[in-house]
Amino acid sequence: MKNYFVYILKCNDNSFYTGVTNNLEQRIDQHNSGVKRDSYTFKRRPVELVWS
């Protein structure tokens, strides 16, 4: 059985983003590198993990 993480990111514009992943480190790296141009965090980088 896989473990999953719920996480909260603080974005560059002081908004917050919540998500769920099974690989927290990789997912935060994806948010900060801008893997998906249409994602909420793309224009709000860099993001900072504030809770998981």
N, C-alpha and C. Protein backbone atom coordinates (compact mmCIF):
# COMPACT_ATOMS: atom_id res chain seq x y z
N MET A 1 0.83 -1.18 0.00
CA MET A 1 0.00 0.00 0.00
C MET A 1 0.89 1.25 0.00
N LYS A 2 0.56 2.21 -0.86
CA LYS A 2 1.33 3.46 -0.94
C LYS A 2 0.91 4.43 0.14
N ASN A 3 1.86 5.23 0.58
CA ASN A 3 1.56 6.32 1.50
C ASN A 3 1.34 7.59 0.69
N TYR A 4 0.38 8.38 1.11
CA TYR A 4 0.08 9.64 0.43
C TYR A 4 0.25 10.79 1.41
N PHE A 5 0.56 11.95 0.86
CA PHE A 5 0.75 13.17 1.64
C PHE A 5 -0.25 14.22 1.19
N VAL A 6 -0.86 14.89 2.13
CA VAL A 6 -1.60 16.11 1.86
C VAL A 6 -0.63 17.23 2.17
N TYR A 7 -0.58 18.25 1.30
CA TYR A 7 0.39 19.32 1.51
C TYR A 7 -0.21 20.68 1.20
N ILE A 8 0.38 21.70 1.81
CA ILE A 8 -0.01 23.08 1.57
C ILE A 8 1.24 23.85 1.17
N LEU A 9 1.14 24.57 0.05
CA LEU A 9 2.23 25.40 -0.43
C LEU A 9 1.85 26.87 -0.30
N LYS A 10 2.82 27.69 0.06
CA LYS A 10 2.63 29.13 0.01
C LYS A 10 3.28 29.62 -1.29
N CYS A 11 2.49 30.32 -2.08
CA CYS A 11 2.96 30.79 -3.38
C CYS A 11 3.61 32.17 -3.26
N ASN A 12 4.29 32.56 -4.30
CA ASN A 12 5.00 33.83 -4.37
C ASN A 12 4.07 35.03 -4.16
N ASP A 13 2.80 34.91 -4.54
CA ASP A 13 1.83 36.00 -4.39
C ASP A 13 1.08 35.93 -3.05
N ASN A 14 1.59 35.12 -2.13
CA ASN A 14 1.01 34.91 -0.79
C ASN A 14 -0.31 34.16 -0.79
N SER A 15 -0.68 33.52 -1.89
CA SER A 15 -1.83 32.64 -1.90
C SER A 15 -1.35 31.24 -1.48
N PHE A 16 -2.31 30.35 -1.25
CA PHE A 16 -1.98 28.99 -0.83
C PHE A 16 -2.53 27.99 -1.83
N TYR A 17 -1.85 26.86 -1.94
CA TYR A 17 -2.26 25.77 -2.81
C TYR A 17 -2.21 24.49 -2.00
N THR A 18 -3.24 23.67 -2.12
CA THR A 18 -3.24 22.37 -1.44
C THR A 18 -3.23 21.25 -2.48
N GLY A 19 -2.60 20.15 -2.11
CA GLY A 19 -2.53 19.03 -3.02
C GLY A 19 -2.32 17.72 -2.28
N VAL A 20 -2.35 16.63 -3.05
CA VAL A 20 -2.12 15.28 -2.54
C VAL A 20 -1.14 14.59 -3.48
N THR A 21 -0.17 13.89 -2.91
CA THR A 21 0.82 13.18 -3.72
C THR A 21 1.35 11.98 -2.96
N ASN A 22 1.99 11.07 -3.69
CA ASN A 22 2.65 9.95 -3.03
C ASN A 22 4.17 10.14 -3.01
N ASN A 23 4.65 11.26 -3.57
CA ASN A 23 6.08 11.58 -3.55
C ASN A 23 6.21 13.09 -3.34
N LEU A 24 6.30 13.49 -2.11
CA LEU A 24 6.24 14.90 -1.75
C LEU A 24 7.41 15.70 -2.32
N GLU A 25 8.62 15.22 -2.17
CA GLU A 25 9.79 15.95 -2.66
C GLU A 25 9.72 16.16 -4.17
N GLN A 26 9.39 15.11 -4.89
CA GLN A 26 9.29 15.21 -6.35
C GLN A 26 8.18 16.18 -6.76
N ARG A 27 7.06 16.16 -6.06
CA ARG A 27 5.93 17.01 -6.43
C ARG A 27 6.26 18.49 -6.20
N ILE A 28 6.93 18.81 -5.11
CA ILE A 28 7.32 20.20 -4.86
C ILE A 28 8.31 20.66 -5.93
N ASP A 29 9.24 19.80 -6.31
CA ASP A 29 10.17 20.12 -7.39
C ASP A 29 9.42 20.39 -8.69
N GLN A 30 8.37 19.61 -8.96
CA GLN A 30 7.58 19.82 -10.17
C GLN A 30 6.88 21.18 -10.13
N HIS A 31 6.33 21.54 -8.98
CA HIS A 31 5.68 22.85 -8.86
C HIS A 31 6.69 23.96 -9.12
N ASN A 32 7.86 23.88 -8.54
CA ASN A 32 8.86 24.94 -8.67
C ASN A 32 9.52 24.99 -10.05
N SER A 33 9.57 23.88 -10.76
CA SER A 33 10.18 23.89 -12.09
C SER A 33 9.17 24.24 -13.18
N GLY A 34 7.87 24.27 -12.86
CA GLY A 34 6.87 24.66 -13.84
C GLY A 34 6.58 23.61 -14.88
N VAL A 35 6.40 22.38 -14.46
CA VAL A 35 6.15 21.26 -15.38
C VAL A 35 4.86 21.47 -16.18
N LYS A 36 3.82 21.95 -15.53
CA LYS A 36 2.52 22.14 -16.20
C LYS A 36 2.21 23.63 -16.31
N ARG A 37 2.23 24.15 -17.53
CA ARG A 37 2.02 25.58 -17.76
C ARG A 37 0.63 26.06 -17.35
N ASP A 38 -0.35 25.16 -17.34
CA ASP A 38 -1.72 25.57 -17.00
C ASP A 38 -2.07 25.33 -15.52
N SER A 39 -1.08 25.02 -14.71
CA SER A 39 -1.34 24.77 -13.29
C SER A 39 -1.44 26.08 -12.51
N TYR A 40 -2.10 26.03 -11.38
CA TYR A 40 -2.29 27.21 -10.53
C TYR A 40 -0.96 27.82 -10.11
N THR A 41 0.01 26.99 -9.80
CA THR A 41 1.27 27.48 -9.24
C THR A 41 2.26 27.97 -10.30
N PHE A 42 1.99 27.74 -11.58
CA PHE A 42 2.97 28.07 -12.62
C PHE A 42 3.39 29.54 -12.57
N LYS A 43 2.44 30.46 -12.50
CA LYS A 43 2.75 31.89 -12.49
C LYS A 43 2.99 32.41 -11.07
N ARG A 44 2.95 31.53 -10.08
CA ARG A 44 3.10 31.94 -8.69
C ARG A 44 4.35 31.34 -8.04
N ARG A 45 5.32 31.00 -8.86
CA ARG A 45 6.57 30.41 -8.37
C ARG A 45 7.50 31.50 -7.89
N PRO A 46 8.41 31.18 -6.97
CA PRO A 46 8.59 29.88 -6.35
C PRO A 46 7.55 29.63 -5.26
N VAL A 47 7.35 28.36 -4.97
CA VAL A 47 6.45 27.96 -3.90
C VAL A 47 7.25 27.42 -2.73
N GLU A 48 6.65 27.46 -1.56
CA GLU A 48 7.31 27.00 -0.34
C GLU A 48 6.36 26.06 0.39
N LEU A 49 6.86 24.90 0.79
CA LEU A 49 6.06 23.96 1.57
C LEU A 49 5.86 24.52 2.96
N VAL A 50 4.60 24.65 3.39
CA VAL A 50 4.33 25.15 4.74
C VAL A 50 3.72 24.09 5.65
N TRP A 51 3.18 23.01 5.05
CA TRP A 51 2.59 21.96 5.88
C TRP A 51 2.43 20.69 5.06
N SER A 52 2.66 19.56 5.69
CA SER A 52 2.36 18.25 5.08
C SER A 52 2.01 17.26 6.17
